[in-house]
N, C-alpha and C. Protein backbone atom coordinates (compact mmCIF):
# COMPACT_ATOMS: atom_id res chain seq x y z
N UNK A 1 104.54 102.47 -13.58
CA UNK A 1 104.38 103.79 -14.35
C UNK A 1 105.52 104.59 -13.81
N UNK A 2 106.12 105.28 -14.64
CA UNK A 2 107.37 106.18 -14.35
C UNK A 2 106.83 107.55 -13.84
N UNK A 3 107.70 108.23 -13.26
CA UNK A 3 107.47 109.52 -12.71
C UNK A 3 106.90 110.56 -13.91
N UNK A 4 107.68 110.40 -14.96
CA UNK A 4 107.27 111.14 -16.07
C UNK A 4 105.81 110.89 -16.57
N UNK A 5 105.44 109.58 -16.74
CA UNK A 5 104.14 109.21 -17.05
C UNK A 5 103.05 109.68 -16.13
N UNK A 6 103.37 109.64 -14.85
CA UNK A 6 102.37 110.16 -13.83
C UNK A 6 102.30 111.65 -14.00
N UNK A 7 103.37 112.36 -14.18
CA UNK A 7 103.28 113.82 -14.34
C UNK A 7 102.61 114.23 -15.68
N UNK A 8 102.82 113.47 -16.67
CA UNK A 8 102.14 113.65 -17.98
C UNK A 8 100.45 113.56 -17.64
N UNK A 9 100.15 112.48 -16.99
CA UNK A 9 98.79 112.24 -16.67
C UNK A 9 98.18 113.41 -15.87
N UNK A 10 98.93 113.90 -14.84
CA UNK A 10 98.37 115.12 -14.01
C UNK A 10 98.30 116.31 -14.92
N UNK A 11 99.26 116.58 -15.73
CA UNK A 11 99.25 117.78 -16.51
C UNK A 11 98.20 117.69 -17.56
N UNK A 12 97.91 116.57 -18.14
CA UNK A 12 96.79 116.38 -19.22
C UNK A 12 95.35 116.51 -18.51
N UNK A 13 95.30 115.86 -17.45
CA UNK A 13 93.92 115.74 -16.85
C UNK A 13 93.63 117.10 -16.01
N UNK A 14 94.56 117.66 -15.26
CA UNK A 14 94.20 118.80 -14.43
C UNK A 14 94.64 120.16 -15.06
N UNK A 15 95.35 120.13 -16.06
CA UNK A 15 95.80 121.48 -16.54
C UNK A 15 95.65 121.57 -18.10
N UNK A 16 94.89 120.57 -18.57
CA UNK A 16 94.43 120.68 -20.02
C UNK A 16 95.60 120.81 -20.97
N UNK A 17 96.72 120.28 -20.64
CA UNK A 17 97.96 120.30 -21.55
C UNK A 17 97.88 119.09 -22.54
N UNK A 18 98.06 119.30 -23.78
CA UNK A 18 98.00 118.29 -24.75
C UNK A 18 99.24 117.34 -24.51
N UNK A 19 98.86 116.03 -24.39
CA UNK A 19 99.98 115.03 -24.12
C UNK A 19 101.19 115.16 -25.08
N UNK A 20 100.91 115.37 -26.30
CA UNK A 20 102.17 115.53 -27.22
C UNK A 20 103.09 116.86 -27.04
N UNK A 21 102.62 117.69 -26.21
CA UNK A 21 103.41 118.84 -25.79
C UNK A 21 104.38 118.47 -24.65
N UNK A 22 104.00 117.57 -23.87
CA UNK A 22 104.72 117.27 -22.57
C UNK A 22 105.89 116.35 -22.83
N UNK A 23 107.02 116.97 -22.96
CA UNK A 23 108.31 116.24 -23.17
C UNK A 23 109.26 116.75 -22.01
N UNK A 24 110.27 116.07 -21.57
CA UNK A 24 111.17 116.41 -20.49
C UNK A 24 111.69 117.81 -20.71
N UNK A 25 112.09 118.25 -21.96
CA UNK A 25 112.60 119.52 -22.26
C UNK A 25 111.62 120.62 -22.41
N UNK A 26 110.28 120.32 -22.35
CA UNK A 26 109.25 121.44 -22.46
C UNK A 26 109.33 122.25 -21.33
N UNK A 27 109.30 123.51 -21.48
CA UNK A 27 109.29 124.39 -20.29
C UNK A 27 107.89 124.59 -19.69
N UNK A 28 107.82 124.70 -18.37
CA UNK A 28 106.50 124.86 -17.77
C UNK A 28 105.87 126.19 -18.23
N UNK A 29 106.63 127.30 -18.70
CA UNK A 29 105.95 128.39 -19.19
C UNK A 29 105.30 128.06 -20.65
N UNK A 30 106.04 127.40 -21.34
CA UNK A 30 105.50 126.93 -22.61
C UNK A 30 104.20 126.27 -22.50
N UNK A 31 103.99 125.44 -21.43
CA UNK A 31 102.83 124.57 -21.18
C UNK A 31 101.80 125.48 -20.42
N UNK A 32 102.07 126.80 -20.25
CA UNK A 32 101.21 127.74 -19.64
C UNK A 32 100.98 127.57 -18.18
N UNK A 33 102.02 127.01 -17.52
CA UNK A 33 101.96 126.84 -16.07
C UNK A 33 102.83 127.96 -15.47
N UNK A 34 101.95 128.87 -14.78
CA UNK A 34 102.57 130.13 -13.95
C UNK A 34 102.93 129.59 -12.58
N UNK A 35 103.43 130.52 -11.82
CA UNK A 35 103.84 130.10 -10.50
C UNK A 35 102.90 129.63 -9.56
N UNK A 36 101.51 130.07 -9.69
CA UNK A 36 100.49 129.50 -8.92
C UNK A 36 100.14 128.02 -9.35
N UNK A 37 100.28 127.80 -10.63
CA UNK A 37 99.93 126.58 -11.19
C UNK A 37 100.99 125.52 -10.62
N UNK A 38 102.26 125.99 -10.64
CA UNK A 38 103.32 125.13 -10.12
C UNK A 38 103.15 124.86 -8.62
N UNK A 39 102.67 125.78 -7.90
CA UNK A 39 102.30 125.55 -6.50
C UNK A 39 101.29 124.55 -6.29
N UNK A 40 100.12 124.66 -7.23
CA UNK A 40 99.15 123.79 -7.16
C UNK A 40 99.64 122.33 -7.54
N UNK A 41 100.41 122.32 -8.46
CA UNK A 41 101.12 120.99 -8.97
C UNK A 41 101.86 120.36 -7.74
N UNK A 42 102.53 121.08 -6.97
CA UNK A 42 103.20 120.61 -5.77
C UNK A 42 102.17 119.92 -4.88
N UNK A 43 100.97 120.43 -4.62
CA UNK A 43 100.09 119.85 -3.89
C UNK A 43 99.57 118.50 -4.37
N UNK A 44 99.41 118.46 -5.73
CA UNK A 44 98.92 117.35 -6.44
C UNK A 44 99.99 116.30 -6.27
N UNK A 45 101.24 116.60 -6.39
CA UNK A 45 102.36 115.61 -6.16
C UNK A 45 102.31 115.10 -4.79
N UNK A 46 102.14 115.99 -3.82
CA UNK A 46 102.02 115.44 -2.45
C UNK A 46 100.87 114.36 -2.22
N UNK A 47 99.79 114.77 -2.83
CA UNK A 47 98.62 113.87 -2.78
C UNK A 47 98.90 112.58 -3.50
N UNK A 48 99.45 112.60 -4.66
CA UNK A 48 99.64 111.45 -5.51
C UNK A 48 100.65 110.53 -4.90
N UNK A 49 101.79 111.12 -4.43
CA UNK A 49 102.84 110.33 -3.94
C UNK A 49 102.83 110.15 -2.42
N UNK A 50 101.94 110.67 -1.79
CA UNK A 50 101.86 110.56 -0.29
C UNK A 50 103.16 110.99 0.34
N UNK A 51 103.62 112.06 -0.08
CA UNK A 51 104.86 112.72 0.61
C UNK A 51 104.50 114.14 0.98
N UNK A 52 105.29 114.54 1.83
CA UNK A 52 105.12 115.99 2.29
C UNK A 52 106.26 116.86 1.82
N UNK A 53 106.01 117.89 1.12
CA UNK A 53 107.10 118.77 0.79
C UNK A 53 107.25 119.84 1.80
N UNK A 54 108.29 119.72 2.67
CA UNK A 54 108.50 120.52 3.81
C UNK A 54 109.25 121.76 3.48
N UNK A 55 110.04 121.77 2.48
CA UNK A 55 110.73 123.03 2.01
C UNK A 55 109.76 123.91 1.23
N UNK A 56 110.19 125.14 1.06
CA UNK A 56 109.35 125.90 0.06
C UNK A 56 109.50 125.35 -1.26
N UNK A 57 108.35 125.63 -2.08
CA UNK A 57 108.39 125.13 -3.51
C UNK A 57 109.67 125.63 -4.20
N UNK A 58 110.40 124.80 -4.83
CA UNK A 58 111.52 125.19 -5.47
C UNK A 58 111.18 126.09 -6.69
N UNK A 59 112.06 127.27 -6.81
CA UNK A 59 111.93 128.14 -7.85
C UNK A 59 112.67 127.92 -9.11
N UNK A 60 113.42 126.80 -9.05
CA UNK A 60 114.30 126.49 -10.17
C UNK A 60 113.73 125.41 -10.99
N UNK A 61 112.38 125.15 -10.87
CA UNK A 61 111.76 124.13 -11.72
C UNK A 61 111.34 124.90 -13.09
N UNK A 62 112.09 124.76 -14.09
CA UNK A 62 111.86 125.34 -15.37
C UNK A 62 111.26 124.48 -16.49
N UNK A 63 111.51 123.13 -16.37
CA UNK A 63 111.15 122.19 -17.40
C UNK A 63 110.40 121.05 -16.81
N UNK A 64 109.79 120.33 -17.58
CA UNK A 64 109.05 119.10 -17.19
C UNK A 64 110.16 118.13 -16.47
N UNK A 65 111.28 118.05 -17.19
CA UNK A 65 112.35 117.19 -16.61
C UNK A 65 112.88 117.65 -15.28
N UNK A 66 112.75 119.00 -14.98
CA UNK A 66 113.23 119.39 -13.55
C UNK A 66 112.10 118.94 -12.60
N UNK A 67 110.94 119.02 -12.96
CA UNK A 67 109.82 118.61 -12.06
C UNK A 67 109.98 117.08 -11.77
N UNK A 68 110.24 116.32 -12.78
CA UNK A 68 110.44 114.88 -12.63
C UNK A 68 111.66 114.54 -11.79
N UNK A 69 112.82 115.32 -11.89
CA UNK A 69 113.93 115.08 -11.02
C UNK A 69 113.60 115.50 -9.59
N UNK A 70 112.85 116.52 -9.53
CA UNK A 70 112.38 116.96 -8.06
C UNK A 70 111.51 115.89 -7.40
N UNK A 71 110.57 115.42 -8.22
CA UNK A 71 109.75 114.26 -7.59
C UNK A 71 110.57 113.10 -7.23
N UNK A 72 111.47 112.75 -8.07
CA UNK A 72 112.29 111.63 -7.88
C UNK A 72 113.29 111.78 -6.62
N UNK A 73 113.65 113.04 -6.38
CA UNK A 73 114.43 113.38 -5.21
C UNK A 73 113.59 113.22 -3.95
N UNK A 74 112.34 113.68 -4.09
CA UNK A 74 111.39 113.47 -2.91
C UNK A 74 111.24 112.04 -2.64
N UNK A 75 111.04 111.18 -3.63
CA UNK A 75 110.89 109.84 -3.46
C UNK A 75 112.00 109.13 -2.96
N UNK A 76 113.30 109.72 -3.31
CA UNK A 76 114.50 109.05 -2.84
C UNK A 76 114.56 109.20 -1.33
N UNK A 77 114.00 110.25 -0.89
CA UNK A 77 114.12 110.40 0.62
C UNK A 77 112.96 109.58 1.31
N UNK A 78 112.00 109.02 0.51
CA UNK A 78 110.93 108.26 1.07
C UNK A 78 110.80 106.97 0.25
N UNK A 79 111.74 106.06 0.30
CA UNK A 79 111.72 104.98 -0.58
C UNK A 79 110.47 103.98 -0.51
N UNK A 80 109.90 104.01 0.69
CA UNK A 80 108.80 103.21 0.85
C UNK A 80 107.59 103.79 -0.02
N UNK A 81 107.49 105.12 -0.15
CA UNK A 81 106.52 105.73 -1.00
C UNK A 81 106.75 105.38 -2.42
N UNK A 82 107.79 105.25 -2.91
CA UNK A 82 108.19 104.82 -4.33
C UNK A 82 107.60 103.46 -4.48
N UNK A 83 108.00 102.57 -3.66
CA UNK A 83 107.45 101.21 -3.69
C UNK A 83 106.03 101.10 -3.61
N UNK A 84 105.40 101.85 -2.83
CA UNK A 84 103.89 101.82 -2.70
C UNK A 84 103.26 102.41 -4.03
N UNK A 85 103.85 103.48 -4.46
CA UNK A 85 103.31 104.03 -5.74
C UNK A 85 103.55 103.16 -6.91
N UNK A 86 104.52 102.41 -6.91
CA UNK A 86 104.80 101.41 -8.01
C UNK A 86 103.69 100.26 -7.91
N UNK A 87 103.45 99.95 -6.74
CA UNK A 87 102.47 98.86 -6.50
C UNK A 87 101.00 99.29 -6.94
N UNK A 88 100.77 100.54 -6.63
CA UNK A 88 99.40 101.17 -6.99
C UNK A 88 99.34 101.29 -8.45
N UNK A 89 100.45 101.66 -9.12
CA UNK A 89 100.35 101.81 -10.55
C UNK A 89 100.19 100.53 -11.20
N UNK A 90 100.86 99.47 -10.85
CA UNK A 90 100.68 98.14 -11.38
C UNK A 90 99.26 97.57 -11.20
N UNK A 91 98.56 97.95 -10.16
CA UNK A 91 97.17 97.45 -10.01
C UNK A 91 96.19 98.28 -10.77
N UNK A 92 96.61 99.53 -11.17
CA UNK A 92 95.62 100.39 -11.97
C UNK A 92 95.44 99.86 -13.23
N UNK A 93 96.33 99.08 -13.85
CA UNK A 93 96.13 98.62 -15.27
C UNK A 93 95.37 97.36 -15.31
């Protein structure tokens, strides 16, 4: 499961965003995610990917694609987490 797929699942399940609205170029504002929602999303990302966001939540996350790139950058710093999450995703199906 790709990072985008996982993010789409989180946004549809926890934020009631219609799946067809979630595209990489969709803005978080258009999806009705305010700054508090983005902060909550960061906690969900930490839980899902078993990573710790040690820096302040980035303020330059404007689109779904920005969030995907941010998650991928976190996972690049923790390659074992990416492998673990890939394994979990393959056993979920």
